[in-house]
Amino acid sequence: MPLLEVQNLRVWFPVRTGVLRRHTDDVKAVDDVSFTVEAGTTVGLVGESGSGKTTIGRAILKLTPATSGQALLNGRDILPLSEDEFRPLRREVQMIFQDPFGSLNPRHTIFQIISEALEIHFPALSRSQREQRVADLLKQVGLKPEMMHRYPHEFSGGQRQRIGIARALAVEPKFIVCDEPVSALDVSVQAQIVNLLQDLQDQLGLTYLFIAHDLAVVEHISDHVLVMHHGKIVESAPAEQIYAAPQHDYTRKLLAAVPQFA
C-alpha cells in the first residue's frame, strides 16, 4: 500500500458575479488529479506558477478545502475528517513553506516557534525536555543549539529555511510536503538545502512531495516526477525517463527553459 494515494482530486474555487454574488463559474485549480507516493521516496510535482501544484499540497494537508476526491494516508481517506479527527494525524504530515521568513512568527524566538508543536502533540514533555529536543533538531539541520534564543530576523534566508525544516521535523512526521522550499533562496544555498533534505530522508526514512517550478532542482531529489499544467497532470514517469525522453509537449517546453551552462 502506498503511503499516500490521491484519487480524482478536485479543488475548484467559485466565481461569483453581480450584486447578488451569484455562482456563475469555477476556477478549476486542480481538476481530477490522481497519483501515489511510495514510502521513503520523493515525488516531484512540477509546473509553472498557477498550474495548481501548491493547491494540491495544501489540499492534502487540509489547509485548502477539496471539492471532491480522496487522499488516502496509509489507506485512510483524510479529506472528510473534521479538524478534531485530523489533529492526531498532523503529526504524520507536515509542510515546509516556500517563504522561510513569512512562515516564521517574527515575535517569537526560534525555541518558541519549534516547541509550539511539541506542546500540542507531546504535552507531557517538560520545559527542559523541549529545550533539549529543539537543540537536537537545530543540530540536525546544521544550526547551533544556542541559536534557539534568537528571532527570525537575525538569520539569513537559508538559515530560516533550516529552521522551517526543523519545525516540520519536530513532531516526527512520516510525510512532508515541500512547497517550493528553495525557490526564494540563492542558487548556492538551494543546493545546500536540497542536500540537507536528502540526508534527512536517508537518516529518518522520510517521504516527500517536492513541489517546484524548476526542473533542474527536481532532477536531483526526485524518484518520480509529475508534470502539471492547467490543473491537470499531463505526464507522470520515473525521473530519469522524464529527463531522457519526455513524452508531452509541455514537459519538453519546461526542459527547454532550463538554463544550460557551458
Protein backbone atom coordinates (compact mmCIF):
# COMPACT_ATOMS: atom_id res chain seq x y z
CA MET A 1 0.00 0.00 0.00
CA PRO A 2 1.39 3.44 -0.91
CA LEU A 3 1.93 5.87 1.95
CA LEU A 4 -0.24 8.41 0.09
CA GLU A 5 -2.75 7.77 -2.67
CA VAL A 6 -4.56 10.72 -4.22
CA GLN A 7 -7.63 9.79 -6.27
CA ASN A 8 -9.61 12.12 -8.58
CA LEU A 9 -8.78 15.20 -6.51
CA ARG A 10 -10.58 18.39 -7.47
CA VAL A 11 -10.16 21.81 -5.94
CA TRP A 12 -12.47 24.33 -7.58
CA PHE A 13 -12.90 27.92 -6.45
CA PRO A 14 -16.29 29.52 -7.19
CA VAL A 15 -16.52 32.69 -9.27
CA ARG A 16 -19.30 34.97 -8.05
CA THR A 17 -20.56 37.93 -10.06
CA GLY A 18 -23.20 40.63 -9.88
CA VAL A 19 -24.78 42.41 -6.96
CA LEU A 20 -26.21 39.16 -5.60
CA ARG A 21 -22.84 37.39 -5.91
CA ARG A 22 -24.32 34.50 -7.82
CA HIS A 23 -22.13 31.47 -8.52
CA THR A 24 -21.52 31.76 -12.27
CA ASP A 25 -18.38 29.74 -12.88
CA ASP A 26 -15.47 27.89 -11.26
CA VAL A 27 -11.71 28.27 -11.32
CA LYS A 28 -10.52 24.67 -11.66
CA ALA A 29 -7.21 24.96 -9.80
CA VAL A 30 -6.94 21.16 -9.52
CA ASP A 31 -9.07 19.06 -11.83
CA ASP A 32 -9.29 15.27 -11.47
CA VAL A 33 -5.73 14.58 -10.31
CA SER A 34 -4.58 11.11 -9.23
CA PHE A 35 -1.15 9.86 -8.13
CA THR A 36 0.60 7.76 -5.48
CA VAL A 37 3.62 8.32 -3.27
CA GLU A 38 5.51 5.27 -2.03
CA ALA A 39 7.02 5.34 1.46
CA GLY A 40 10.62 6.53 1.58
CA THR A 41 10.57 8.12 -1.89
CA THR A 42 10.38 11.64 -3.28
CA VAL A 43 7.76 12.58 -5.85
CA GLY A 44 8.49 15.83 -7.66
CA LEU A 45 5.47 17.91 -8.68
CA VAL A 46 6.47 20.40 -11.36
CA GLY A 47 4.64 23.14 -13.21
CA GLU A 48 4.60 26.85 -13.90
CA SER A 49 3.11 29.36 -11.45
CA GLY A 50 -0.66 28.99 -11.33
CA SER A 51 -0.68 25.39 -12.51
CA GLY A 52 -2.27 24.16 -9.25
CA LYS A 53 0.68 22.33 -7.72
CA THR A 54 0.73 24.22 -4.40
CA THR A 55 -3.04 23.82 -4.14
CA ILE A 56 -2.57 20.04 -4.27
CA GLY A 57 -0.12 20.16 -1.37
CA ARG A 58 -2.40 22.40 0.68
CA ALA A 59 -5.43 20.22 -0.04
CA ILE A 60 -3.60 17.07 1.11
CA LEU A 61 -2.79 18.80 4.41
CA LYS A 62 -6.36 20.15 4.66
CA LEU A 63 -5.16 23.75 4.55
CA THR A 64 -7.35 24.28 1.46
CA PRO A 65 -10.75 22.51 1.21
CA ALA A 66 -11.03 19.92 -1.55
CA THR A 67 -14.10 20.00 -3.79
CA SER A 68 -14.08 16.24 -4.32
CA GLY A 69 -11.81 13.21 -4.46
CA GLN A 70 -9.79 11.25 -1.93
CA ALA A 71 -6.40 11.49 -0.24
CA LEU A 72 -5.63 8.13 1.36
CA LEU A 73 -2.93 8.25 4.02
CA ASN A 74 -1.98 4.65 4.84
CA GLY A 75 -5.32 3.64 3.32
CA ARG A 76 -7.45 6.14 5.29
CA ASP A 77 -9.17 8.98 3.47
CA ILE A 78 -8.22 12.11 5.39
CA LEU A 79 -10.21 14.67 3.37
CA PRO A 80 -13.61 14.08 5.06
CA LEU A 81 -12.12 14.20 8.58
CA SER A 82 -13.07 17.02 10.89
CA GLU A 83 -10.30 19.16 12.39
CA ASP A 84 -10.57 17.25 15.68
CA GLU A 85 -10.34 13.92 13.86
CA PHE A 86 -7.41 15.07 11.76
CA ARG A 87 -5.40 16.70 14.57
CA PRO A 88 -3.66 13.44 15.70
CA LEU A 89 -2.67 12.79 12.07
CA ARG A 90 -0.97 16.19 11.76
CA ARG A 91 2.00 14.54 13.45
CA GLU A 92 2.36 12.33 10.38
CA VAL A 93 2.03 15.01 7.68
CA GLN A 94 3.90 18.31 7.78
CA MET A 95 4.77 21.12 5.37
CA ILE A 96 7.88 23.16 4.58
CA PHE A 97 6.74 26.51 3.19
CA GLN A 98 8.11 28.49 0.27
CA ASP A 99 8.79 31.73 2.14
CA PRO A 100 11.18 30.96 5.02
CA PHE A 101 10.59 34.39 6.58
CA GLY A 102 6.84 34.79 6.14
CA SER A 103 6.18 31.36 7.65
CA LEU A 104 8.01 32.19 10.92
CA ASN A 105 6.39 34.38 13.58
CA PRO A 106 8.72 37.40 13.89
CA ARG A 107 7.68 37.99 17.51
CA HIS A 108 8.68 34.50 18.67
CA THR A 109 12.12 33.09 19.34
CA ILE A 110 13.23 30.02 17.42
CA PHE A 111 12.63 27.97 20.57
CA GLN A 112 9.02 29.18 20.76
CA ILE A 113 8.46 28.54 17.04
CA ILE A 114 9.74 24.95 17.10
CA SER A 115 8.47 23.98 20.55
CA GLU A 116 4.89 25.10 19.84
CA ALA A 117 4.19 21.83 18.03
CA LEU A 118 5.86 19.89 20.84
CA GLU A 119 3.50 21.46 23.38
CA ILE A 120 0.49 20.43 21.28
CA HIS A 121 1.50 16.89 20.33
CA PHE A 122 3.77 15.96 23.26
CA PRO A 123 2.16 17.74 26.24
CA ALA A 124 3.94 15.53 28.76
CA LEU A 125 7.36 16.99 27.88
CA SER A 126 8.87 19.35 30.44
CA ARG A 127 10.42 22.71 29.50
CA SER A 128 13.93 21.25 29.76
CA GLN A 129 12.95 18.28 27.60
CA ARG A 130 11.53 20.62 24.95
CA GLU A 131 14.73 22.67 25.03
CA GLN A 132 16.79 19.54 24.52
CA ARG A 133 14.56 18.43 21.64
CA VAL A 134 14.86 21.86 19.96
CA ALA A 135 18.65 21.81 20.45
CA ASP A 136 18.85 18.36 18.82
CA LEU A 137 16.67 19.49 15.90
CA LEU A 138 18.80 22.57 15.26
CA LYS A 139 21.94 20.45 15.20
CA GLN A 140 20.22 18.03 12.85
CA VAL A 141 19.60 20.79 10.30
CA GLY A 142 23.08 22.29 10.61
CA LEU A 143 22.49 25.10 13.11
CA LYS A 144 23.88 25.74 16.59
CA PRO A 145 21.68 24.95 19.62
CA GLU A 146 22.29 28.37 21.20
CA MET A 147 20.54 29.94 18.19
CA MET A 148 17.19 28.90 19.68
CA HIS A 149 17.06 32.13 21.70
CA ARG A 150 17.29 34.38 18.64
CA TYR A 151 14.50 35.79 16.46
CA PRO A 152 13.85 35.04 12.74
CA HIS A 153 15.15 38.43 11.52
CA GLU A 154 18.61 37.55 12.88
CA PHE A 155 19.06 34.75 10.32
CA SER A 156 19.79 34.53 6.60
CA GLY A 157 17.24 33.09 4.17
CA GLY A 158 18.97 29.70 4.08
CA GLN A 159 19.17 29.56 7.89
CA ARG A 160 15.48 30.46 8.19
CA GLN A 161 14.59 27.62 5.82
CA ARG A 162 16.64 25.26 8.00
CA ILE A 163 14.55 26.45 10.95
CA GLY A 164 11.41 25.73 8.93
CA ILE A 165 12.68 22.22 8.28
CA ALA A 166 13.45 21.73 11.99
CA ARG A 167 9.91 22.83 12.83
CA ALA A 168 8.47 20.30 10.37
CA LEU A 169 10.64 17.53 11.86
CA ALA A 170 9.72 18.35 15.46
CA VAL A 171 6.70 16.03 15.61
CA GLU A 172 8.47 13.14 13.82
CA PRO A 173 6.37 13.10 10.63
CA LYS A 174 6.38 10.37 8.00
CA PHE A 175 5.34 12.55 5.07
CA ILE A 176 6.40 16.13 4.28
CA VAL A 177 5.05 18.43 1.58
CA CYS A 178 7.95 20.63 0.45
CA ASP A 179 6.27 23.64 -1.18
CA GLU A 180 8.96 25.25 -3.35
CA PRO A 181 11.36 25.18 -0.38
CA VAL A 182 14.34 26.59 -2.31
CA SER A 183 12.78 28.98 -4.83
CA ALA A 184 13.33 32.04 -2.59
CA LEU A 185 16.99 31.19 -1.96
CA ASP A 186 20.28 31.92 -3.75
CA VAL A 187 21.45 29.17 -6.10
CA SER A 188 24.38 28.14 -3.87
CA VAL A 189 22.05 27.89 -0.86
CA GLN A 190 19.48 25.93 -2.87
CA ALA A 191 21.97 23.09 -3.31
CA GLN A 192 22.71 23.03 0.43
CA ILE A 193 19.01 22.77 1.33
CA VAL A 194 18.34 20.05 -1.26
CA ASN A 195 21.33 18.07 0.05
CA LEU A 196 20.05 18.52 3.62
CA LEU A 197 16.61 17.21 2.66
CA GLN A 198 18.18 14.17 1.00
CA ASP A 199 20.36 13.47 4.05
CA LEU A 200 17.35 13.74 6.38
CA GLN A 201 15.39 11.39 4.15
CA ASP A 202 18.16 8.80 4.36
CA GLN A 203 18.50 9.19 8.14
CA LEU A 204 14.81 9.30 9.07
CA GLY A 205 13.10 7.39 6.26
CA LEU A 206 11.04 10.43 5.24
CA THR A 207 8.70 10.64 2.27
CA TYR A 208 8.46 13.88 0.28
CA LEU A 209 6.11 15.54 -2.15
CA PHE A 210 8.54 18.11 -3.58
CA ILE A 211 6.75 20.97 -5.32
CA ALA A 212 8.78 23.18 -7.67
CA HIS A 213 8.71 25.07 -10.95
CA ASP A 214 12.39 24.38 -11.65
CA LEU A 215 13.00 21.02 -13.33
CA ALA A 216 16.75 21.32 -12.68
CA VAL A 217 16.16 21.30 -8.91
CA VAL A 218 13.63 18.48 -9.05
CA GLU A 219 16.01 16.29 -11.05
CA HIS A 220 18.43 15.95 -8.13
CA ILE A 221 15.95 14.91 -5.47
CA SER A 222 13.02 13.08 -7.11
CA ASP A 223 12.46 9.39 -7.76
CA HIS A 224 9.28 10.08 -9.74
CA VAL A 225 8.11 13.28 -11.43
CA LEU A 226 4.59 14.58 -12.08
CA VAL A 227 4.24 17.41 -14.59
CA MET A 228 1.24 19.67 -14.02
CA HIS A 229 -0.40 22.09 -16.45
CA HIS A 230 -3.67 24.00 -16.04
CA GLY A 231 -4.81 21.93 -13.07
CA LYS A 232 -4.11 18.53 -14.59
CA ILE A 233 -1.19 16.09 -14.55
CA VAL A 234 -0.04 15.83 -18.15
CA GLU A 235 2.90 13.46 -17.60
CA SER A 236 3.94 11.03 -14.87
CA ALA A 237 7.12 8.96 -15.07
CA PRO A 238 10.30 8.00 -13.22
CA ALA A 239 12.66 10.97 -13.01
CA GLU A 240 15.28 9.56 -15.36
CA GLN A 241 12.63 8.89 -18.01
CA ILE A 242 11.20 12.42 -17.77
CA TYR A 243 14.62 13.96 -18.41
CA ALA A 244 15.82 11.46 -21.02
CA ALA A 245 12.65 11.06 -23.08
CA PRO A 246 9.80 13.45 -22.19
CA GLN A 247 6.54 12.48 -23.86
CA HIS A 248 4.37 15.58 -23.51
CA ASP A 249 4.95 18.84 -25.38
CA TYR A 250 4.58 20.86 -22.18
CA THR A 251 7.27 18.78 -20.45
CA ARG A 252 9.60 19.38 -23.38
CA LYS A 253 8.95 23.13 -23.12
CA LEU A 254 9.78 23.10 -19.41
CA LEU A 255 13.02 21.24 -20.08
CA ALA A 256 13.92 23.62 -22.89
CA ALA A 257 13.52 26.53 -20.46
CA VAL A 258 16.12 25.13 -18.03
CA PRO A 259 19.32 27.25 -18.37
CA GLN A 260 22.26 25.42 -19.89
CA PHE A 261 25.75 26.37 -18.73
CA ALA A 262 28.95 25.52 -20.54
